[in-house]
Amino acid sequence: MRAGKLKSGEFATLETIRGRKAELVIVSEDASDNTKKQFSDKCSYYEVPMVFFGDKESLGHAIGKDVRTSLAITDKGFAQSLRKNLLSTNTSTEEM
């Protein structure tokens, strides 16, 4: 977050995807079905990898913020490393 390589919140995440700057999108597992579909559709259209991980509180806490439903990583190397770690360490992580 401090490096400026992360956008959080639904609006900022969607803008980052539309601007073709997102390298990875993380959506909380407890997001609404509508929110999950919205991000799934956008990520599919713009060919951005997406994972479902954790809950809203843990996503926010991980970046030093309040509750967050979605995050967009804009740094390619960081996104690849984070995606690899999320998928290998958490069996409940779902990838789209």
N, C-alpha and C. Protein backbone atom coordinates (compact mmCIF):
# COMPACT_ATOMS: atom_id res chain seq x y z
N MET A 1 0.83 -1.19 0.00
CA MET A 1 0.00 0.00 0.00
C MET A 1 0.88 1.26 0.00
N ARG A 2 1.89 1.26 0.84
CA ARG A 2 2.77 2.43 0.93
C ARG A 2 3.52 2.70 -0.37
N ALA A 3 3.80 1.66 -1.12
CA ALA A 3 4.54 1.81 -2.38
C ALA A 3 3.65 2.33 -3.50
N GLY A 4 2.35 2.42 -3.24
CA GLY A 4 1.43 2.90 -4.26
C GLY A 4 1.12 1.88 -5.33
N LYS A 5 1.32 0.61 -5.04
CA LYS A 5 1.11 -0.46 -6.02
C LYS A 5 -0.19 -1.21 -5.77
N LEU A 6 -1.09 -0.60 -4.98
CA LEU A 6 -2.31 -1.27 -4.61
C LEU A 6 -3.45 -0.26 -4.57
N LYS A 7 -4.59 -0.65 -5.09
CA LYS A 7 -5.80 0.16 -5.01
C LYS A 7 -6.84 -0.66 -4.26
N SER A 8 -7.61 -0.01 -3.38
CA SER A 8 -8.59 -0.75 -2.61
C SER A 8 -9.95 -0.09 -2.68
N GLY A 9 -10.98 -0.89 -2.43
CA GLY A 9 -12.34 -0.41 -2.52
C GLY A 9 -12.92 -0.73 -3.88
N GLU A 10 -14.22 -0.89 -3.93
CA GLU A 10 -14.86 -1.31 -5.17
C GLU A 10 -14.63 -0.32 -6.32
N PHE A 11 -14.87 0.96 -6.09
CA PHE A 11 -14.75 1.95 -7.15
C PHE A 11 -13.31 2.03 -7.68
N ALA A 12 -12.35 2.15 -6.77
CA ALA A 12 -10.94 2.27 -7.18
C ALA A 12 -10.47 1.00 -7.90
N THR A 13 -10.91 -0.15 -7.43
CA THR A 13 -10.53 -1.41 -8.07
C THR A 13 -11.09 -1.49 -9.48
N LEU A 14 -12.36 -1.15 -9.65
CA LEU A 14 -12.98 -1.18 -10.97
C LEU A 14 -12.29 -0.20 -11.93
N GLU A 15 -11.97 0.99 -11.44
CA GLU A 15 -11.27 1.97 -12.28
C GLU A 15 -9.89 1.46 -12.70
N THR A 16 -9.22 0.78 -11.80
CA THR A 16 -7.89 0.23 -12.10
C THR A 16 -7.99 -0.87 -13.16
N ILE A 17 -9.04 -1.69 -13.06
CA ILE A 17 -9.25 -2.74 -14.06
C ILE A 17 -9.54 -2.11 -15.42
N ARG A 18 -10.47 -1.16 -15.43
CA ARG A 18 -10.85 -0.49 -16.69
C ARG A 18 -9.67 0.25 -17.32
N GLY A 19 -8.80 0.78 -16.48
CA GLY A 19 -7.63 1.50 -16.96
C GLY A 19 -6.50 0.58 -17.39
N ARG A 20 -6.75 -0.72 -17.31
CA ARG A 20 -5.77 -1.74 -17.71
C ARG A 20 -4.47 -1.66 -16.91
N LYS A 21 -4.59 -1.26 -15.65
CA LYS A 21 -3.43 -1.17 -14.78
C LYS A 21 -3.38 -2.30 -13.76
N ALA A 22 -4.47 -3.03 -13.61
CA ALA A 22 -4.54 -4.11 -12.62
C ALA A 22 -3.82 -5.35 -13.12
N GLU A 23 -2.96 -5.92 -12.28
CA GLU A 23 -2.26 -7.16 -12.60
C GLU A 23 -2.89 -8.35 -11.85
N LEU A 24 -3.58 -8.06 -10.76
CA LEU A 24 -4.26 -9.07 -9.96
C LEU A 24 -5.36 -8.39 -9.17
N VAL A 25 -6.51 -9.05 -9.09
CA VAL A 25 -7.61 -8.54 -8.27
C VAL A 25 -7.92 -9.59 -7.21
N ILE A 26 -8.07 -9.12 -5.98
CA ILE A 26 -8.44 -9.98 -4.87
C ILE A 26 -9.80 -9.51 -4.36
N VAL A 27 -10.75 -10.44 -4.28
CA VAL A 27 -12.10 -10.13 -3.80
C VAL A 27 -12.36 -11.00 -2.58
N SER A 28 -12.96 -10.42 -1.56
CA SER A 28 -13.23 -11.18 -0.34
C SER A 28 -14.25 -12.27 -0.61
N GLU A 29 -14.11 -13.37 0.09
CA GLU A 29 -15.01 -14.50 -0.08
C GLU A 29 -16.42 -14.18 0.42
N ASP A 30 -16.54 -13.22 1.33
CA ASP A 30 -17.85 -12.87 1.86
C ASP A 30 -18.49 -11.67 1.16
N ALA A 31 -17.98 -11.32 -0.02
CA ALA A 31 -18.59 -10.26 -0.82
C ALA A 31 -19.94 -10.76 -1.33
N SER A 32 -20.82 -9.85 -1.66
CA SER A 32 -22.13 -10.24 -2.17
C SER A 32 -21.99 -10.94 -3.52
N ASP A 33 -22.98 -11.73 -3.86
CA ASP A 33 -22.96 -12.44 -5.15
C ASP A 33 -22.89 -11.45 -6.31
N ASN A 34 -23.58 -10.33 -6.18
CA ASN A 34 -23.56 -9.31 -7.23
C ASN A 34 -22.16 -8.73 -7.40
N THR A 35 -21.49 -8.45 -6.29
CA THR A 35 -20.12 -7.91 -6.34
C THR A 35 -19.17 -8.93 -6.95
N LYS A 36 -19.28 -10.18 -6.55
CA LYS A 36 -18.43 -11.24 -7.10
C LYS A 36 -18.61 -11.35 -8.61
N LYS A 37 -19.88 -11.31 -9.05
CA LYS A 37 -20.15 -11.41 -10.48
C LYS A 37 -19.61 -10.20 -11.22
N GLN A 38 -19.78 -9.02 -10.65
CA GLN A 38 -19.30 -7.79 -11.28
C GLN A 38 -17.79 -7.86 -11.51
N PHE A 39 -17.05 -8.24 -10.47
CA PHE A 39 -15.59 -8.32 -10.61
C PHE A 39 -15.18 -9.47 -11.52
N SER A 40 -15.88 -10.58 -11.43
CA SER A 40 -15.58 -11.72 -12.29
C SER A 40 -15.76 -11.34 -13.76
N ASP A 41 -16.85 -10.66 -14.07
CA ASP A 41 -17.11 -10.24 -15.45
C ASP A 41 -16.05 -9.25 -15.94
N LYS A 42 -15.73 -8.25 -15.11
CA LYS A 42 -14.74 -7.24 -15.51
C LYS A 42 -13.37 -7.87 -15.70
N CYS A 43 -12.97 -8.72 -14.77
CA CYS A 43 -11.66 -9.36 -14.86
C CYS A 43 -11.58 -10.28 -16.06
N SER A 44 -12.65 -10.96 -16.35
CA SER A 44 -12.69 -11.84 -17.52
C SER A 44 -12.57 -11.02 -18.80
N TYR A 45 -13.31 -9.94 -18.89
CA TYR A 45 -13.30 -9.10 -20.08
C TYR A 45 -11.92 -8.46 -20.30
N TYR A 46 -11.32 -7.95 -19.23
CA TYR A 46 -10.02 -7.27 -19.34
C TYR A 46 -8.83 -8.22 -19.14
N GLU A 47 -9.11 -9.51 -19.01
CA GLU A 47 -8.10 -10.55 -18.86
C GLU A 47 -7.16 -10.29 -17.68
N VAL A 48 -7.76 -10.04 -16.52
CA VAL A 48 -7.01 -9.81 -15.29
C VAL A 48 -7.24 -11.00 -14.37
N PRO A 49 -6.19 -11.63 -13.84
CA PRO A 49 -6.38 -12.74 -12.90
C PRO A 49 -7.09 -12.25 -11.64
N MET A 50 -7.95 -13.10 -11.10
CA MET A 50 -8.70 -12.74 -9.90
C MET A 50 -8.74 -13.93 -8.95
N VAL A 51 -8.61 -13.64 -7.66
CA VAL A 51 -8.75 -14.68 -6.64
C VAL A 51 -9.73 -14.21 -5.57
N PHE A 52 -10.44 -15.17 -5.00
CA PHE A 52 -11.28 -14.91 -3.84
C PHE A 52 -10.47 -15.32 -2.62
N PHE A 53 -10.37 -14.42 -1.65
CA PHE A 53 -9.53 -14.72 -0.49
C PHE A 53 -10.03 -13.98 0.75
N GLY A 54 -10.07 -14.68 1.86
CA GLY A 54 -10.36 -14.06 3.15
C GLY A 54 -11.71 -13.40 3.22
N ASP A 55 -11.88 -12.60 4.26
CA ASP A 55 -13.12 -11.85 4.42
C ASP A 55 -12.81 -10.36 4.34
N LYS A 56 -13.86 -9.56 4.37
CA LYS A 56 -13.72 -8.11 4.21
C LYS A 56 -12.82 -7.50 5.29
N GLU A 57 -12.99 -7.96 6.51
CA GLU A 57 -12.19 -7.41 7.62
C GLU A 57 -10.72 -7.75 7.47
N SER A 58 -10.41 -8.98 7.11
CA SER A 58 -8.99 -9.38 6.99
C SER A 58 -8.31 -8.69 5.81
N LEU A 59 -9.04 -8.47 4.71
CA LEU A 59 -8.46 -7.74 3.58
C LEU A 59 -8.12 -6.31 3.98
N GLY A 60 -9.04 -5.66 4.67
CA GLY A 60 -8.80 -4.30 5.12
C GLY A 60 -7.66 -4.23 6.11
N HIS A 61 -7.66 -5.16 7.06
CA HIS A 61 -6.61 -5.20 8.08
C HIS A 61 -5.24 -5.42 7.46
N ALA A 62 -5.17 -6.25 6.43
CA ALA A 62 -3.89 -6.57 5.78
C ALA A 62 -3.23 -5.35 5.16
N ILE A 63 -4.04 -4.36 4.78
CA ILE A 63 -3.48 -3.16 4.16
C ILE A 63 -3.56 -1.94 5.08
N GLY A 64 -3.96 -2.16 6.32
CA GLY A 64 -4.01 -1.07 7.28
C GLY A 64 -5.20 -0.15 7.12
N LYS A 65 -6.29 -0.69 6.61
CA LYS A 65 -7.51 0.09 6.39
C LYS A 65 -8.68 -0.59 7.08
N ASP A 66 -9.85 0.04 6.96
CA ASP A 66 -11.08 -0.57 7.44
C ASP A 66 -11.49 -1.68 6.49
N VAL A 67 -12.71 -2.11 6.61
CA VAL A 67 -13.26 -3.18 5.79
C VAL A 67 -13.08 -2.88 4.30
N ARG A 68 -12.59 -3.86 3.56
CA ARG A 68 -12.41 -3.75 2.11
C ARG A 68 -12.94 -5.01 1.44
N THR A 69 -13.68 -4.84 0.36
CA THR A 69 -14.22 -5.97 -0.39
C THR A 69 -13.28 -6.40 -1.49
N SER A 70 -12.52 -5.44 -2.04
CA SER A 70 -11.67 -5.77 -3.17
C SER A 70 -10.37 -4.98 -3.15
N LEU A 71 -9.36 -5.58 -3.76
CA LEU A 71 -8.05 -4.97 -3.91
C LEU A 71 -7.57 -5.20 -5.33
N ALA A 72 -6.85 -4.24 -5.87
CA ALA A 72 -6.22 -4.40 -7.19
C ALA A 72 -4.72 -4.16 -7.01
N ILE A 73 -3.91 -5.11 -7.42
CA ILE A 73 -2.46 -4.98 -7.38
C ILE A 73 -2.01 -4.49 -8.75
N THR A 74 -1.19 -3.43 -8.77
CA THR A 74 -0.78 -2.85 -10.05
C THR A 74 0.66 -3.18 -10.45
N ASP A 75 1.42 -3.78 -9.56
CA ASP A 75 2.80 -4.16 -9.87
C ASP A 75 2.83 -5.62 -10.31
N LYS A 76 3.36 -5.87 -11.49
CA LYS A 76 3.34 -7.22 -12.07
C LYS A 76 4.09 -8.25 -11.22
N GLY A 77 5.30 -7.93 -10.80
CA GLY A 77 6.09 -8.87 -10.00
C GLY A 77 5.44 -9.18 -8.66
N PHE A 78 4.94 -8.14 -8.00
CA PHE A 78 4.27 -8.33 -6.72
C PHE A 78 2.99 -9.15 -6.90
N ALA A 79 2.26 -8.88 -7.98
CA ALA A 79 1.01 -9.61 -8.25
C ALA A 79 1.29 -11.10 -8.47
N GLN A 80 2.32 -11.42 -9.24
CA GLN A 80 2.65 -12.82 -9.51
C GLN A 80 3.05 -13.53 -8.23
N SER A 81 3.88 -12.90 -7.42
CA SER A 81 4.33 -13.49 -6.17
C SER A 81 3.16 -13.69 -5.20
N LEU A 82 2.33 -12.68 -5.08
CA LEU A 82 1.19 -12.75 -4.17
C LEU A 82 0.21 -13.83 -4.61
N ARG A 83 -0.07 -13.88 -5.88
CA ARG A 83 -0.99 -14.89 -6.42
C ARG A 83 -0.47 -16.30 -6.16
N LYS A 84 0.81 -16.49 -6.39
CA LYS A 84 1.43 -17.80 -6.16
C LYS A 84 1.32 -18.19 -4.69
N ASN A 85 1.62 -17.25 -3.80
CA ASN A 85 1.56 -17.52 -2.37
C ASN A 85 0.13 -17.76 -1.89
N LEU A 86 -0.82 -16.98 -2.37
CA LEU A 86 -2.21 -17.17 -1.97
C LEU A 86 -2.73 -18.53 -2.39
N LEU A 87 -2.40 -18.94 -3.59
CA LEU A 87 -2.89 -20.21 -4.10
C LEU A 87 -2.21 -21.41 -3.45
N SER A 88 -0.96 -21.26 -3.05
CA SER A 88 -0.24 -22.40 -2.47
C SER A 88 -0.46 -22.56 -0.97
N THR A 89 -0.78 -21.48 -0.27
CA THR A 89 -0.89 -21.57 1.19
C THR A 89 -2.31 -21.71 1.70
N ASN A 90 -3.30 -21.42 0.88
CA ASN A 90 -4.67 -21.47 1.36
C ASN A 90 -5.49 -22.36 0.45
N THR A 91 -5.96 -23.45 0.98
CA THR A 91 -6.72 -24.40 0.18
C THR A 91 -8.12 -23.88 -0.13
N SER A 92 -8.59 -22.87 0.61
CA SER A 92 -9.93 -22.35 0.33
C SER A 92 -9.90 -21.20 -0.68
N THR A 93 -8.72 -20.81 -1.13
CA THR A 93 -8.62 -19.74 -2.12
C THR A 93 -9.12 -20.25 -3.45
N GLU A 94 -9.97 -19.48 -4.06
CA GLU A 94 -10.56 -19.84 -5.35
C GLU A 94 -10.05 -18.88 -6.40
N GLU A 95 -9.62 -19.40 -7.54
CA GLU A 95 -9.09 -18.55 -8.60
C GLU A 95 -10.04 -18.52 -9.77
N MET A 96 -10.12 -17.36 -10.38
CA MET A 96 -10.95 -17.20 -11.60
C MET A 96 -10.03 -16.92 -12.76
